[in-house]
């Protein structure tokens, strides 16, 4: 889907996967992808989390697995353990 006010879903997915692959086995904050895609990154965060939920990524909060869409507060994303 293309959004006139920001990056497409495909661009967001690519940014998330690029970060995950570059950081593996460590995790990253999804705001890093948002910041790389737009100077006005905060409004992107709900879309970033929703798209992350569709990718082969693990979301954690304080080390415990969470749903990236419903989790409140900061989360980390990364590739699942091998």
PDB file of N, CA and C in Angstrom:
ATOM      1  N   UNK A   1       0.849  -1.178   0.000  1.00  0.00           N
ATOM      2  CA  UNK A   1       0.000   0.000   0.000  1.00  0.00           C
ATOM      3  C   UNK A   1       0.893   1.239   0.000  1.00  0.00           C
ATOM      4  N   UNK A   2       0.541   2.227  -0.793  1.00  0.00           N
ATOM      5  CA  UNK A   2       1.305   3.466  -0.861  1.00  0.00           C
ATOM      6  C   UNK A   2       0.559   4.538  -0.074  1.00  0.00           C
ATOM      7  N   UNK A   3       1.286   5.211   0.789  1.00  0.00           N
ATOM      8  CA  UNK A   3       0.699   6.276   1.593  1.00  0.00           C
ATOM      9  C   UNK A   3       1.275   7.605   1.112  1.00  0.00           C
ATOM     10  N   UNK A   4       0.413   8.560   0.737  1.00  0.00           N
ATOM     11  CA  UNK A   4       0.908   9.827   0.202  1.00  0.00           C
ATOM     12  C   UNK A   4       1.710  10.636   1.218  1.00  0.00           C
ATOM     13  N   UNK A   5       1.530  10.352   2.497  1.00  0.00           N
ATOM     14  CA  UNK A   5       2.223  11.156   3.500  1.00  0.00           C
ATOM     15  C   UNK A   5       3.444  10.474   4.081  1.00  0.00           C
ATOM     16  N   UNK A   6       3.847   9.362   3.493  1.00  0.00           N
ATOM     17  CA  UNK A   6       5.011   8.680   4.050  1.00  0.00           C
ATOM     18  C   UNK A   6       5.398   7.465   3.239  1.00  0.00           C
ATOM     19  N   UNK A   7       6.267   6.654   3.813  1.00  0.00           N
ATOM     20  CA  UNK A   7       6.758   5.480   3.102  1.00  0.00           C
ATOM     21  C   UNK A   7       5.678   4.418   2.918  1.00  0.00           C
ATOM     22  N   UNK A   8       5.861   3.599   1.894  1.00  0.00           N
ATOM     23  CA  UNK A   8       4.918   2.511   1.642  1.00  0.00           C
ATOM     24  C   UNK A   8       5.139   1.394   2.655  1.00  0.00           C
ATOM     25  N   UNK A   9       4.168   0.498   2.731  1.00  0.00           N
ATOM     26  CA  UNK A   9       4.306  -0.656   3.610  1.00  0.00           C
ATOM     27  C   UNK A   9       5.517  -1.492   3.213  1.00  0.00           C
ATOM     28  N   UNK A  10       5.761  -1.617   1.917  1.00  0.00           N
ATOM     29  CA  UNK A  10       6.922  -2.387   1.436  1.00  0.00           C
ATOM     30  C   UNK A  10       8.230  -1.735   1.880  1.00  0.00           C
ATOM     31  N   UNK A  11       8.290  -0.413   1.857  1.00  0.00           N
ATOM     32  CA  UNK A  11       9.500   0.289   2.311  1.00  0.00           C
ATOM     33  C   UNK A  11       9.708   0.081   3.810  1.00  0.00           C
ATOM     34  N   UNK A  12       8.632   0.109   4.569  1.00  0.00           N
ATOM     35  CA  UNK A  12       8.734  -0.111   6.010  1.00  0.00           C
ATOM     36  C   UNK A  12       9.203  -1.535   6.276  1.00  0.00           C
ATOM     37  N   UNK A  13       8.603  -2.514   5.599  1.00  0.00           N
ATOM     38  CA  UNK A  13       8.997  -3.912   5.782  1.00  0.00           C
ATOM     39  C   UNK A  13      10.469  -4.109   5.438  1.00  0.00           C
ATOM     40  N   UNK A  14      10.911  -3.504   4.348  1.00  0.00           N
ATOM     41  CA  UNK A  14      12.315  -3.630   3.942  1.00  0.00           C
ATOM     42  C   UNK A  14      13.247  -3.009   4.981  1.00  0.00           C
ATOM     43  N   UNK A  15      12.878  -1.858   5.509  1.00  0.00           N
ATOM     44  CA  UNK A  15      13.705  -1.204   6.526  1.00  0.00           C
ATOM     45  C   UNK A  15      13.792  -2.061   7.786  1.00  0.00           C
ATOM     46  N   UNK A  16      12.675  -2.641   8.202  1.00  0.00           N
ATOM     47  CA  UNK A  16      12.674  -3.495   9.392  1.00  0.00           C
ATOM     48  C   UNK A  16      13.544  -4.734   9.186  1.00  0.00           C
ATOM     49  N   UNK A  17      13.394  -5.387   8.042  1.00  0.00           N
ATOM     50  CA  UNK A  17      14.182  -6.593   7.791  1.00  0.00           C
ATOM     51  C   UNK A  17      15.669  -6.270   7.615  1.00  0.00           C
ATOM     52  N   UNK A  18      15.979  -5.150   6.979  1.00  0.00           N
ATOM     53  CA  UNK A  18      17.386  -4.742   6.836  1.00  0.00           C
ATOM     54  C   UNK A  18      18.029  -4.547   8.206  1.00  0.00           C
ATOM     55  N   UNK A  19      17.311  -3.862   9.107  1.00  0.00           N
ATOM     56  CA  UNK A  19      17.845  -3.651  10.455  1.00  0.00           C
ATOM     57  C   UNK A  19      17.998  -4.978  11.192  1.00  0.00           C
ATOM     58  N   UNK A  20      17.008  -5.848  11.080  1.00  0.00           N
ATOM     59  CA  UNK A  20      17.062  -7.140  11.770  1.00  0.00           C
ATOM     60  C   UNK A  20      18.266  -7.955  11.284  1.00  0.00           C
ATOM     61  N   UNK A  21      18.470  -7.987   9.987  1.00  0.00           N
ATOM     62  CA  UNK A  21      19.588  -8.757   9.439  1.00  0.00           C
ATOM     63  C   UNK A  21      20.931  -8.139   9.809  1.00  0.00           C
ATOM     64  N   UNK A  22      20.999  -6.820   9.816  1.00  0.00           N
ATOM     65  CA  UNK A  22      22.249  -6.132  10.152  1.00  0.00           C
ATOM     66  C   UNK A  22      22.608  -6.289  11.627  1.00  0.00           C
ATOM     67  N   UNK A  23      21.609  -6.378  12.492  1.00  0.00           N
ATOM     68  CA  UNK A  23      21.848  -6.433  13.935  1.00  0.00           C
ATOM     69  C   UNK A  23      21.918  -7.845  14.505  1.00  0.00           C
ATOM     70  N   UNK A  24      21.433  -8.827  13.758  1.00  0.00           N
ATOM     71  CA  UNK A  24      21.357 -10.203  14.281  1.00  0.00           C
ATOM     72  C   UNK A  24      22.689 -10.618  14.876  1.00  0.00           C
ATOM     73  N   UNK A  25      22.697 -11.237  16.031  1.00  0.00           N
ATOM     74  CA  UNK A  25      21.562 -11.757  16.781  1.00  0.00           C
ATOM     75  C   UNK A  25      20.973 -10.753  17.765  1.00  0.00           C
ATOM     76  N   UNK A  26      21.447  -9.516  17.748  1.00  0.00           N
ATOM     77  CA  UNK A  26      20.904  -8.511  18.667  1.00  0.00           C
ATOM     78  C   UNK A  26      19.582  -7.963  18.150  1.00  0.00           C
ATOM     79  N   UNK A  27      18.876  -7.244  19.011  1.00  0.00           N
ATOM     80  CA  UNK A  27      17.595  -6.653  18.662  1.00  0.00           C
ATOM     81  C   UNK A  27      17.757  -5.160  18.405  1.00  0.00           C
ATOM     82  N   UNK A  28      16.685  -4.543  17.936  1.00  0.00           N
ATOM     83  CA  UNK A  28      16.701  -3.106  17.671  1.00  0.00           C
ATOM     84  C   UNK A  28      15.357  -2.509  18.042  1.00  0.00           C
ATOM     85  N   UNK A  29      15.343  -1.212  18.242  1.00  0.00           N
ATOM     86  CA  UNK A  29      14.107  -0.496  18.535  1.00  0.00           C
ATOM     87  C   UNK A  29      13.418  -0.177  17.209  1.00  0.00           C
ATOM     88  N   UNK A  30      12.119  -0.446  17.087  1.00  0.00           N
ATOM     89  CA  UNK A  30      11.437  -0.154  15.825  1.00  0.00           C
ATOM     90  C   UNK A  30      11.492   1.323  15.436  1.00  0.00           C
ATOM     91  N   UNK A  31      11.717   2.206  16.400  1.00  0.00           N
ATOM     92  CA  UNK A  31      11.822   3.627  16.057  1.00  0.00           C
ATOM     93  C   UNK A  31      13.034   3.902  15.178  1.00  0.00           C
ATOM     94  N   UNK A  32      14.031   3.015  15.193  1.00  0.00           N
ATOM     95  CA  UNK A  32      15.186   3.195  14.311  1.00  0.00           C
ATOM     96  C   UNK A  32      14.759   3.127  12.852  1.00  0.00           C
ATOM     97  N   UNK A  33      13.864   2.215  12.526  1.00  0.00           N
ATOM     98  CA  UNK A  33      13.351   2.121  11.159  1.00  0.00           C
ATOM     99  C   UNK A  33      12.531   3.362  10.826  1.00  0.00           C
ATOM    100  N   UNK A  34      11.675   3.776  11.756  1.00  0.00           N
ATOM    101  CA  UNK A  34      10.843   4.957  11.527  1.00  0.00           C
ATOM    102  C   UNK A  34      11.705   6.192  11.294  1.00  0.00           C
ATOM    103  N   UNK A  35      12.743   6.350  12.083  1.00  0.00           N
ATOM    104  CA  UNK A  35      13.629   7.519  11.943  1.00  0.00           C
ATOM    105  C   UNK A  35      14.377   7.508  10.622  1.00  0.00           C
ATOM    106  N   UNK A  36      14.709   6.319  10.139  1.00  0.00           N
ATOM    107  CA  UNK A  36      15.412   6.214   8.860  1.00  0.00           C
ATOM    108  C   UNK A  36      14.483   6.538   7.684  1.00  0.00           C
ATOM    109  N   UNK A  37      13.185   6.375   7.887  1.00  0.00           N
ATOM    110  CA  UNK A  37      12.228   6.574   6.804  1.00  0.00           C
ATOM    111  C   UNK A  37      11.607   7.960   6.742  1.00  0.00           C
ATOM    112  N   UNK A  38      11.595   8.671   7.860  1.00  0.00           N
ATOM    113  CA  UNK A  38      10.921   9.971   7.865  1.00  0.00           C
ATOM    114  C   UNK A  38      11.432  10.851   8.996  1.00  0.00           C
ATOM    115  N   UNK A  39      11.623  12.143   8.726  1.00  0.00           N
ATOM    116  CA  UNK A  39      11.996  13.044   9.818  1.00  0.00           C
ATOM    117  C   UNK A  39      10.850  13.197  10.829  1.00  0.00           C
ATOM    118  N   UNK A  40       9.622  13.006  10.376  1.00  0.00           N
ATOM    119  CA  UNK A  40       8.446  13.053  11.243  1.00  0.00           C
ATOM    120  C   UNK A  40       8.057  11.602  11.542  1.00  0.00           C
ATOM    121  N   UNK A  41       8.862  10.929  12.361  1.00  0.00           N
ATOM    122  CA  UNK A  41       8.783   9.484  12.528  1.00  0.00           C
ATOM    123  C   UNK A  41       7.737   9.013  13.521  1.00  0.00           C
ATOM    124  N   UNK A  42       7.393   9.807  14.501  1.00  0.00           N
ATOM    125  CA  UNK A  42       6.467   9.339  15.544  1.00  0.00           C
ATOM    126  C   UNK A  42       5.107   8.871  15.005  1.00  0.00           C
ATOM    127  N   UNK A  43       4.498   9.597  14.060  1.00  0.00           N
ATOM    128  CA  UNK A  43       3.215   9.114  13.542  1.00  0.00           C
ATOM    129  C   UNK A  43       3.317   7.766  12.801  1.00  0.00           C
ATOM    130  N   UNK A  44       4.515   7.380  12.396  1.00  0.00           N
ATOM    131  CA  UNK A  44       4.705   6.101  11.705  1.00  0.00           C
ATOM    132  C   UNK A  44       4.685   4.899  12.641  1.00  0.00           C
ATOM    133  N   UNK A  45       4.861   5.103  13.920  1.00  0.00           N
ATOM    134  CA  UNK A  45       5.055   3.982  14.838  1.00  0.00           C
ATOM    135  C   UNK A  45       3.918   2.947  14.837  1.00  0.00           C
ATOM    136  N   UNK A  46       2.651   3.334  14.809  1.00  0.00           N
ATOM    137  CA  UNK A  46       1.618   2.287  14.743  1.00  0.00           C
ATOM    138  C   UNK A  46       1.734   1.419  13.485  1.00  0.00           C
ATOM    139  N   UNK A  47       2.033   2.047  12.344  1.00  0.00           N
ATOM    140  CA  UNK A  47       2.217   1.270  11.104  1.00  0.00           C
ATOM    141  C   UNK A  47       3.460   0.400  11.187  1.00  0.00           C
ATOM    142  N   UNK A  48       4.532   0.922  11.754  1.00  0.00           N
ATOM    143  CA  UNK A  48       5.775   0.147  11.903  1.00  0.00           C
ATOM    144  C   UNK A  48       5.479  -1.118  12.708  1.00  0.00           C
ATOM    145  N   UNK A  49       4.784  -0.966  13.822  1.00  0.00           N
ATOM    146  CA  UNK A  49       4.475  -2.122  14.669  1.00  0.00           C
ATOM    147  C   UNK A  49       3.540  -3.096  13.958  1.00  0.00           C
ATOM    148  N   UNK A  50       2.542  -2.581  13.251  1.00  0.00           N
ATOM    149  CA  UNK A  50       1.604  -3.452  12.547  1.00  0.00           C
ATOM    150  C   UNK A  50       2.315  -4.251  11.455  1.00  0.00           C
ATOM    151  N   UNK A  51       3.195  -3.607  10.737  1.00  0.00           N
ATOM    152  CA  UNK A  51       3.927  -4.302   9.673  1.00  0.00           C
ATOM    153  C   UNK A  51       4.919  -5.283  10.282  1.00  0.00           C
ATOM    154  N   UNK A  52       5.554  -4.916  11.384  1.00  0.00           N
ATOM    155  CA  UNK A  52       6.480  -5.833  12.056  1.00  0.00           C
ATOM    156  C   UNK A  52       5.770  -7.124  12.454  1.00  0.00           C
ATOM    157  N   UNK A  53       4.506  -7.015  12.816  1.00  0.00           N
ATOM    158  CA  UNK A  53       3.739  -8.194  13.231  1.00  0.00           C
ATOM    159  C   UNK A  53       3.526  -9.174  12.085  1.00  0.00           C
ATOM    160  N   UNK A  54       3.657  -8.702  10.851  1.00  0.00           N
ATOM    161  CA  UNK A  54       3.454  -9.568   9.684  1.00  0.00           C
ATOM    162  C   UNK A  54       4.751 -10.185   9.185  1.00  0.00           C
ATOM    163  N   UNK A  55       5.864  -9.785   9.756  1.00  0.00           N
ATOM    164  CA  UNK A  55       7.177 -10.242   9.288  1.00  0.00           C
ATOM    165  C   UNK A  55       7.731 -11.337  10.194  1.00  0.00           C
ATOM    166  N   UNK A  56       8.737 -12.048   9.721  1.00  0.00           N
ATOM    167  CA  UNK A  56       9.350 -13.086  10.565  1.00  0.00           C
ATOM    168  C   UNK A  56      10.291 -12.464  11.600  1.00  0.00           C
ATOM    169  N   UNK A  57       9.718 -11.642  12.466  1.00  0.00           N
ATOM    170  CA  UNK A  57      10.465 -10.975  13.527  1.00  0.00           C
ATOM    171  C   UNK A  57       9.855 -11.343  14.871  1.00  0.00           C
ATOM    172  N   UNK A  58      10.675 -11.301  15.895  1.00  0.00           N
ATOM    173  CA  UNK A  58      10.221 -11.512  17.265  1.00  0.00           C
ATOM    174  C   UNK A  58      10.197 -10.161  17.962  1.00  0.00           C
ATOM    175  N   UNK A  59       9.100  -9.867  18.634  1.00  0.00           N
ATOM    176  CA  UNK A  59       8.983  -8.640  19.420  1.00  0.00           C
ATOM    177  C   UNK A  59       9.105  -9.006  20.889  1.00  0.00           C
ATOM    178  N   UNK A  60       9.904  -8.250  21.622  1.00  0.00           N
ATOM    179  CA  UNK A  60      10.060  -8.487  23.054  1.00  0.00           C
ATOM    180  C   UNK A  60       9.936  -7.179  23.819  1.00  0.00           C
ATOM    181  N   UNK A  61       9.579  -7.341  25.096  1.00  0.00           N
ATOM    182  CA  UNK A  61       9.527  -6.212  26.019  1.00  0.00           C
ATOM    183  C   UNK A  61      10.100  -6.725  27.334  1.00  0.00           C
ATOM    184  N   UNK A  62      11.173  -6.114  27.773  1.00  0.00           N
ATOM    185  CA  UNK A  62      11.894  -6.573  28.961  1.00  0.00           C
ATOM    186  C   UNK A  62      12.272  -8.044  28.840  1.00  0.00           C
ATOM    187  N   UNK A  63      12.610  -8.461  27.610  1.00  0.00           N
ATOM    188  CA  UNK A  63      13.065  -9.817  27.359  1.00  0.00           C
ATOM    189  C   UNK A  63      11.970 -10.847  27.157  1.00  0.00           C
ATOM    190  N   UNK A  64      10.707 -10.470  27.350  1.00  0.00           N
ATOM    191  CA  UNK A  64       9.597 -11.412  27.189  1.00  0.00           C
ATOM    192  C   UNK A  64       8.898 -11.168  25.852  1.00  0.00           C
ATOM    193  N   UNK A  65       8.465 -12.234  25.170  1.00  0.00           N
ATOM    194  CA  UNK A  65       7.760 -12.067  23.900  1.00  0.00           C
ATOM    195  C   UNK A  65       6.441 -11.301  24.076  1.00  0.00           C
ATOM    196  N   UNK A  66       6.171 -10.410  23.132  1.00  0.00           N
ATOM    197  CA  UNK A  66       4.927  -9.624  23.145  1.00  0.00           C
ATOM    198  C   UNK A  66       4.402  -9.489  21.723  1.00  0.00           C
ATOM    199  N   UNK A  67       3.146  -9.101  21.624  1.00  0.00           N
ATOM    200  CA  UNK A  67       2.549  -8.757  20.333  1.00  0.00           C
ATOM    201  C   UNK A  67       2.941  -7.305  20.059  1.00  0.00           C
ATOM    202  N   UNK A  68       3.620  -7.030  18.941  1.00  0.00           N
ATOM    203  CA  UNK A  68       4.068  -5.655  18.699  1.00  0.00           C
ATOM    204  C   UNK A  68       2.924  -4.659  18.520  1.00  0.00           C
ATOM    205  N   UNK A  69       1.753  -5.132  18.160  1.00  0.00           N
ATOM    206  CA  UNK A  69       0.621  -4.228  17.942  1.00  0.00           C
ATOM    207  C   UNK A  69      -0.033  -3.826  19.253  1.00  0.00           C
ATOM    208  N   UNK A  70      -0.162  -4.763  20.184  1.00  0.00           N
ATOM    209  CA  UNK A  70      -0.891  -4.471  21.420  1.00  0.00           C
ATOM    210  C   UNK A  70      -0.004  -4.095  22.602  1.00  0.00           C
ATOM    211  N   UNK A  71       1.298  -4.325  22.489  1.00  0.00           N
ATOM    212  CA  UNK A  71       2.208  -4.006  23.594  1.00  0.00           C
ATOM    213  C   UNK A  71       2.220  -2.501  23.847  1.00  0.00           C
ATOM    214  N   UNK A  72       2.188  -2.148  25.105  1.00  0.00           N
ATOM    215  CA  UNK A  72       2.285  -0.738  25.495  1.00  0.00           C
ATOM    216  C   UNK A  72       3.724  -0.454  25.887  1.00  0.00           C
ATOM    217  N   UNK A  73       4.235   0.681  25.465  1.00  0.00           N
ATOM    218  CA  UNK A  73       5.600   1.046  25.813  1.00  0.00           C
ATOM    219  C   UNK A  73       6.618   0.519  24.816  1.00  0.00           C
ATOM    220  N   UNK A  74       7.901   0.711  25.134  1.00  0.00           N
ATOM    221  CA  UNK A  74       8.960   0.344  24.201  1.00  0.00           C
ATOM    222  C   UNK A  74       9.067  -1.166  23.998  1.00  0.00           C
ATOM    223  N   UNK A  75       9.339  -1.542  22.767  1.00  0.00           N
ATOM    224  CA  UNK A  75       9.586  -2.940  22.430  1.00  0.00           C
ATOM    225  C   UNK A  75      10.890  -3.035  21.657  1.00  0.00           C
ATOM    226  N   UNK A  76      11.376  -4.243  21.506  1.00  0.00           N
ATOM    227  CA  UNK A  76      12.553  -4.530  20.690  1.00  0.00           C
ATOM    228  C   UNK A  76      12.152  -5.542  19.639  1.00  0.00           C
ATOM    229  N   UNK A  77      12.742  -5.458  18.476  1.00  0.00           N
ATOM    230  CA  UNK A  77      12.495  -6.411  17.402  1.00  0.00           C
ATOM    231  C   UNK A  77      13.782  -7.088  17.012  1.00  0.00           C
ATOM    232  N   UNK A  78      13.668  -8.304  16.554  1.00  0.00           N
ATOM    233  CA  UNK A  78      14.834  -9.035  16.086  1.00  0.00           C
ATOM    234  C   UNK A  78      14.417 -10.309  15.386  1.00  0.00           C
ATOM    235  N   UNK A  79      15.396 -10.965  14.792  1.00  0.00           N
ATOM    236  CA  UNK A  79      15.141 -12.247  14.158  1.00  0.00           C
ATOM    237  C   UNK A  79      14.907 -13.296  15.234  1.00  0.00           C
ATOM    238  N   UNK A  80      14.055 -14.270  14.970  1.00  0.00           N
ATOM    239  CA  UNK A  80      13.856 -15.328  15.956  1.00  0.00           C
ATOM    240  C   UNK A  80      15.128 -16.130  16.126  1.00  0.00           C
ATOM    241  N   UNK A  81      15.329 -16.726  17.303  1.00  0.00           N
ATOM    242  CA  UNK A  81      16.529 -17.541  17.500  1.00  0.00           C
ATOM    243  C   UNK A  81      16.537 -18.718  16.510  1.00  0.00           C
ATOM    244  N   UNK A  82      17.733 -19.146  16.095  1.00  0.00           N
ATOM    245  CA  UNK A  82      17.820 -20.251  15.152  1.00  0.00           C
ATOM    246  C   UNK A  82      17.309 -21.566  15.729  1.00  0.00           C
TER     247      UNK A  82
END
